[in-house]
Amino acid sequence: MIRRGRLTLLALLVFTASTALVSRSHLAVFLPGFISLYAGDTLWASALYVLLALVRPSAPPFEVLIGTLVISLAVEFSQLYQAPWISNIRHTFPLGYVLGYGFKWSDILCYSAGSLIAYAVDRIQTDRRRF
């Protein structure tokens, strides 16, 4: 059985989400262009992975990965729907950061990368705790 510490996951979630927000703030001008452009979406998916692991700490890493990818892709593809009511919601804080503003293929790549990075770290930690 997999055991993840909830306190550790909570701290990691706060750190990851905060770092994602900073990468989207005015402080991002100090980051290299590539990082400031893609870090927020990559960290968003990593934070989602941690959130799902926090909700189900005993879930196998692969299940958390699949959940993260499904939710990430659903959020991104939902951005193709641009009704006025959902657009108004997307332009509020913090829902704009959660739901995004417009569909981009690059976001799907970032979400995949962030999910896979979080999965790899989780697998390493999970395998380490088994022995």
C-alpha atoms as a PDB file:
ATOM      1  CA  MET A   1       0.000   0.000   0.000  1.00  0.00           C
ATOM      2  CA  ILE A   2       1.248   3.443  -0.906  1.00  0.00           C
ATOM      3  CA  ARG A   3       1.536   5.995   1.870  1.00  0.00           C
ATOM      4  CA  ARG A   4       1.964   9.661   1.154  1.00  0.00           C
ATOM      5  CA  GLY A   5       2.163  12.105   4.025  1.00  0.00           C
ATOM      6  CA  ARG A   6      -0.720  14.579   3.839  1.00  0.00           C
ATOM      7  CA  LEU A   7       1.267  17.335   5.514  1.00  0.00           C
ATOM      8  CA  THR A   8       4.105  16.897   3.040  1.00  0.00           C
ATOM      9  CA  LEU A   9       1.643  16.911   0.140  1.00  0.00           C
ATOM     10  CA  LEU A  10      -0.057  20.029   1.476  1.00  0.00           C
ATOM     11  CA  ALA A  11       3.270  21.847   1.786  1.00  0.00           C
ATOM     12  CA  LEU A  12       4.238  20.723  -1.711  1.00  0.00           C
ATOM     13  CA  LEU A  13       0.882  21.891  -3.079  1.00  0.00           C
ATOM     14  CA  VAL A  14       1.282  25.336  -1.514  1.00  0.00           C
ATOM     15  CA  PHE A  15       4.837  25.607  -2.845  1.00  0.00           C
ATOM     16  CA  THR A  16       3.966  24.436  -6.361  1.00  0.00           C
ATOM     17  CA  ALA A  17       0.845  26.586  -6.675  1.00  0.00           C
ATOM     18  CA  SER A  18       2.671  29.624  -5.286  1.00  0.00           C
ATOM     19  CA  THR A  19       5.536  29.140  -7.711  1.00  0.00           C
ATOM     20  CA  ALA A  20       3.056  28.831 -10.587  1.00  0.00           C
ATOM     21  CA  LEU A  21       1.375  32.088  -9.539  1.00  0.00           C
ATOM     22  CA  VAL A  22       4.715  33.891  -9.249  1.00  0.00           C
ATOM     23  CA  SER A  23       5.619  32.706 -12.757  1.00  0.00           C
ATOM     24  CA  ARG A  24       2.479  34.507 -13.986  1.00  0.00           C
ATOM     25  CA  SER A  25       3.024  37.682 -11.967  1.00  0.00           C
ATOM     26  CA  HIS A  26       5.000  40.840 -12.654  1.00  0.00           C
ATOM     27  CA  LEU A  27       8.011  39.063 -11.111  1.00  0.00           C
ATOM     28  CA  ALA A  28       8.187  36.839 -14.191  1.00  0.00           C
ATOM     29  CA  VAL A  29      10.037  39.592 -16.056  1.00  0.00           C
ATOM     30  CA  PHE A  30      13.145  38.437 -14.172  1.00  0.00           C
ATOM     31  CA  LEU A  31      12.841  34.917 -15.580  1.00  0.00           C
ATOM     32  CA  PRO A  32      14.172  33.797 -18.951  1.00  0.00           C
ATOM     33  CA  GLY A  33      11.505  34.091 -21.681  1.00  0.00           C
ATOM     34  CA  PHE A  34      11.015  30.353 -22.203  1.00  0.00           C
ATOM     35  CA  ILE A  35      10.514  29.753 -18.488  1.00  0.00           C
ATOM     36  CA  SER A  36       8.160  32.674 -17.944  1.00  0.00           C
ATOM     37  CA  LEU A  37       6.122  31.558 -20.947  1.00  0.00           C
ATOM     38  CA  TYR A  38       5.693  27.880 -20.016  1.00  0.00           C
ATOM     39  CA  ALA A  39       6.438  27.454 -16.298  1.00  0.00           C
ATOM     40  CA  GLY A  40       2.979  28.468 -15.097  1.00  0.00           C
ATOM     41  CA  ASP A  41       1.134  25.802 -17.089  1.00  0.00           C
ATOM     42  CA  THR A  42       3.713  23.139 -16.282  1.00  0.00           C
ATOM     43  CA  LEU A  43       3.521  23.937 -12.566  1.00  0.00           C
ATOM     44  CA  TRP A  44      -0.299  24.102 -12.745  1.00  0.00           C
ATOM     45  CA  ALA A  45      -0.394  20.460 -13.844  1.00  0.00           C
ATOM     46  CA  SER A  46       2.167  19.482 -11.203  1.00  0.00           C
ATOM     47  CA  ALA A  47       0.060  21.206  -8.538  1.00  0.00           C
ATOM     48  CA  LEU A  48      -3.016  19.361  -9.797  1.00  0.00           C
ATOM     49  CA  TYR A  49      -1.126  16.059  -9.501  1.00  0.00           C
ATOM     50  CA  VAL A  50      -0.209  16.903  -5.902  1.00  0.00           C
ATOM     51  CA  LEU A  51      -3.805  17.933  -5.160  1.00  0.00           C
ATOM     52  CA  LEU A  52      -5.145  14.626  -6.460  1.00  0.00           C
ATOM     53  CA  ALA A  53      -2.512  12.739  -4.451  1.00  0.00           C
ATOM     54  CA  LEU A  54      -3.590  14.749  -1.396  1.00  0.00           C
ATOM     55  CA  VAL A  55      -7.228  13.771  -1.963  1.00  0.00           C
ATOM     56  CA  ARG A  56      -6.305  10.082  -2.392  1.00  0.00           C
ATOM     57  CA  PRO A  57      -2.940   9.547  -0.695  1.00  0.00           C
ATOM     58  CA  SER A  58      -3.037   5.783  -1.180  1.00  0.00           C
ATOM     59  CA  ALA A  59      -3.736   5.942  -4.946  1.00  0.00           C
ATOM     60  CA  PRO A  60      -1.063   4.427  -7.167  1.00  0.00           C
ATOM     61  CA  PRO A  61       1.023   7.057  -8.984  1.00  0.00           C
ATOM     62  CA  PHE A  62      -0.224   5.920 -12.399  1.00  0.00           C
ATOM     63  CA  GLU A  63      -3.863   6.506 -11.366  1.00  0.00           C
ATOM     64  CA  VAL A  64      -2.975   9.987 -10.128  1.00  0.00           C
ATOM     65  CA  LEU A  65      -1.185  10.640 -13.441  1.00  0.00           C
ATOM     66  CA  ILE A  66      -4.207   9.563 -15.495  1.00  0.00           C
ATOM     67  CA  GLY A  67      -6.535  11.693 -13.345  1.00  0.00           C
ATOM     68  CA  THR A  68      -4.253  14.686 -13.741  1.00  0.00           C
ATOM     69  CA  LEU A  69      -4.065  14.304 -17.511  1.00  0.00           C
ATOM     70  CA  VAL A  70      -7.832  13.833 -17.889  1.00  0.00           C
ATOM     71  CA  ILE A  71      -8.634  16.913 -15.800  1.00  0.00           C
ATOM     72  CA  SER A  72      -5.923  19.000 -17.474  1.00  0.00           C
ATOM     73  CA  LEU A  73      -7.107  18.118 -20.954  1.00  0.00           C
ATOM     74  CA  ALA A  74     -10.754  18.678 -20.012  1.00  0.00           C
ATOM     75  CA  VAL A  75      -9.917  22.148 -18.681  1.00  0.00           C
ATOM     76  CA  GLU A  76      -7.913  23.030 -21.784  1.00  0.00           C
ATOM     77  CA  PHE A  77     -10.517  21.785 -24.251  1.00  0.00           C
ATOM     78  CA  SER A  78     -13.255  23.541 -22.253  1.00  0.00           C
ATOM     79  CA  GLN A  79     -11.568  26.790 -23.281  1.00  0.00           C
ATOM     80  CA  LEU A  80     -12.879  26.234 -26.794  1.00  0.00           C
ATOM     81  CA  TYR A  81     -16.318  27.013 -25.339  1.00  0.00           C
ATOM     82  CA  GLN A  82     -16.555  30.789 -25.127  1.00  0.00           C
ATOM     83  CA  ALA A  83     -20.097  31.587 -23.933  1.00  0.00           C
ATOM     84  CA  PRO A  84     -20.321  34.989 -22.192  1.00  0.00           C
ATOM     85  CA  TRP A  85     -21.100  33.511 -18.767  1.00  0.00           C
ATOM     86  CA  ILE A  86     -18.047  31.237 -18.713  1.00  0.00           C
ATOM     87  CA  SER A  87     -15.843  33.975 -20.164  1.00  0.00           C
ATOM     88  CA  ASN A  88     -16.929  36.244 -17.299  1.00  0.00           C
ATOM     89  CA  ILE A  89     -15.971  33.523 -14.803  1.00  0.00           C
ATOM     90  CA  ARG A  90     -12.612  33.033 -16.515  1.00  0.00           C
ATOM     91  CA  HIS A  91     -11.795  36.701 -16.037  1.00  0.00           C
ATOM     92  CA  THR A  92     -12.040  36.538 -12.247  1.00  0.00           C
ATOM     93  CA  PHE A  93      -9.294  35.702  -9.806  1.00  0.00           C
ATOM     94  CA  PRO A  94      -8.570  32.845  -9.022  1.00  0.00           C
ATOM     95  CA  LEU A  95     -10.844  31.046 -11.498  1.00  0.00           C
ATOM     96  CA  GLY A  96      -8.985  32.550 -14.441  1.00  0.00           C
ATOM     97  CA  TYR A  97      -5.843  30.783 -13.274  1.00  0.00           C
ATOM     98  CA  VAL A  98      -7.708  27.516 -12.775  1.00  0.00           C
ATOM     99  CA  LEU A  99      -9.812  27.501 -15.948  1.00  0.00           C
ATOM    100  CA  GLY A 100      -7.502  29.438 -18.261  1.00  0.00           C
ATOM    101  CA  TYR A 101      -8.484  31.957 -20.895  1.00  0.00           C
ATOM    102  CA  GLY A 102      -8.030  30.428 -24.310  1.00  0.00           C
ATOM    103  CA  PHE A 103      -7.124  27.124 -25.932  1.00  0.00           C
ATOM    104  CA  LYS A 104      -3.449  26.605 -26.823  1.00  0.00           C
ATOM    105  CA  TRP A 105      -1.757  23.446 -28.002  1.00  0.00           C
ATOM    106  CA  SER A 106       1.355  24.476 -26.082  1.00  0.00           C
ATOM    107  CA  ASP A 107      -0.653  24.259 -22.854  1.00  0.00           C
ATOM    108  CA  ILE A 108      -1.356  20.590 -23.547  1.00  0.00           C
ATOM    109  CA  LEU A 109       2.383  19.972 -23.884  1.00  0.00           C
ATOM    110  CA  CYS A 110       3.043  21.875 -20.651  1.00  0.00           C
ATOM    111  CA  TYR A 111       0.314  19.977 -18.794  1.00  0.00           C
ATOM    112  CA  SER A 112       1.737  16.691 -20.043  1.00  0.00           C
ATOM    113  CA  ALA A 113       5.261  17.664 -18.995  1.00  0.00           C
ATOM    114  CA  GLY A 114       4.149  18.886 -15.557  1.00  0.00           C
ATOM    115  CA  SER A 115       2.089  15.753 -14.974  1.00  0.00           C
ATOM    116  CA  LEU A 116       4.935  13.462 -16.033  1.00  0.00           C
ATOM    117  CA  ILE A 117       7.482  15.298 -13.893  1.00  0.00           C
ATOM    118  CA  ALA A 118       5.229  15.043 -10.826  1.00  0.00           C
ATOM    119  CA  TYR A 119       4.577  11.374 -11.636  1.00  0.00           C
ATOM    120  CA  ALA A 120       8.297  10.630 -11.926  1.00  0.00           C
ATOM    121  CA  VAL A 121       9.058  12.302  -8.595  1.00  0.00           C
ATOM    122  CA  ASP A 122       6.148  10.455  -6.964  1.00  0.00           C
ATOM    123  CA  ARG A 123       7.318   7.122  -8.371  1.00  0.00           C
ATOM    124  CA  ILE A 124      10.850   7.688  -7.119  1.00  0.00           C
ATOM    125  CA  GLN A 125       9.545   8.574  -3.648  1.00  0.00           C
ATOM    126  CA  THR A 126       7.040   5.715  -3.646  1.00  0.00           C
ATOM    127  CA  ASP A 127       9.668   3.159  -4.684  1.00  0.00           C
ATOM    128  CA  ARG A 128      12.061   4.519  -2.055  1.00  0.00           C
ATOM    129  CA  ARG A 129       9.484   4.054   0.732  1.00  0.00           C
ATOM    130  CA  ARG A 130       8.816   0.444  -0.252  1.00  0.00           C
ATOM    131  CA  PHE A 131      12.362  -0.669   0.569  1.00  0.00           C
END
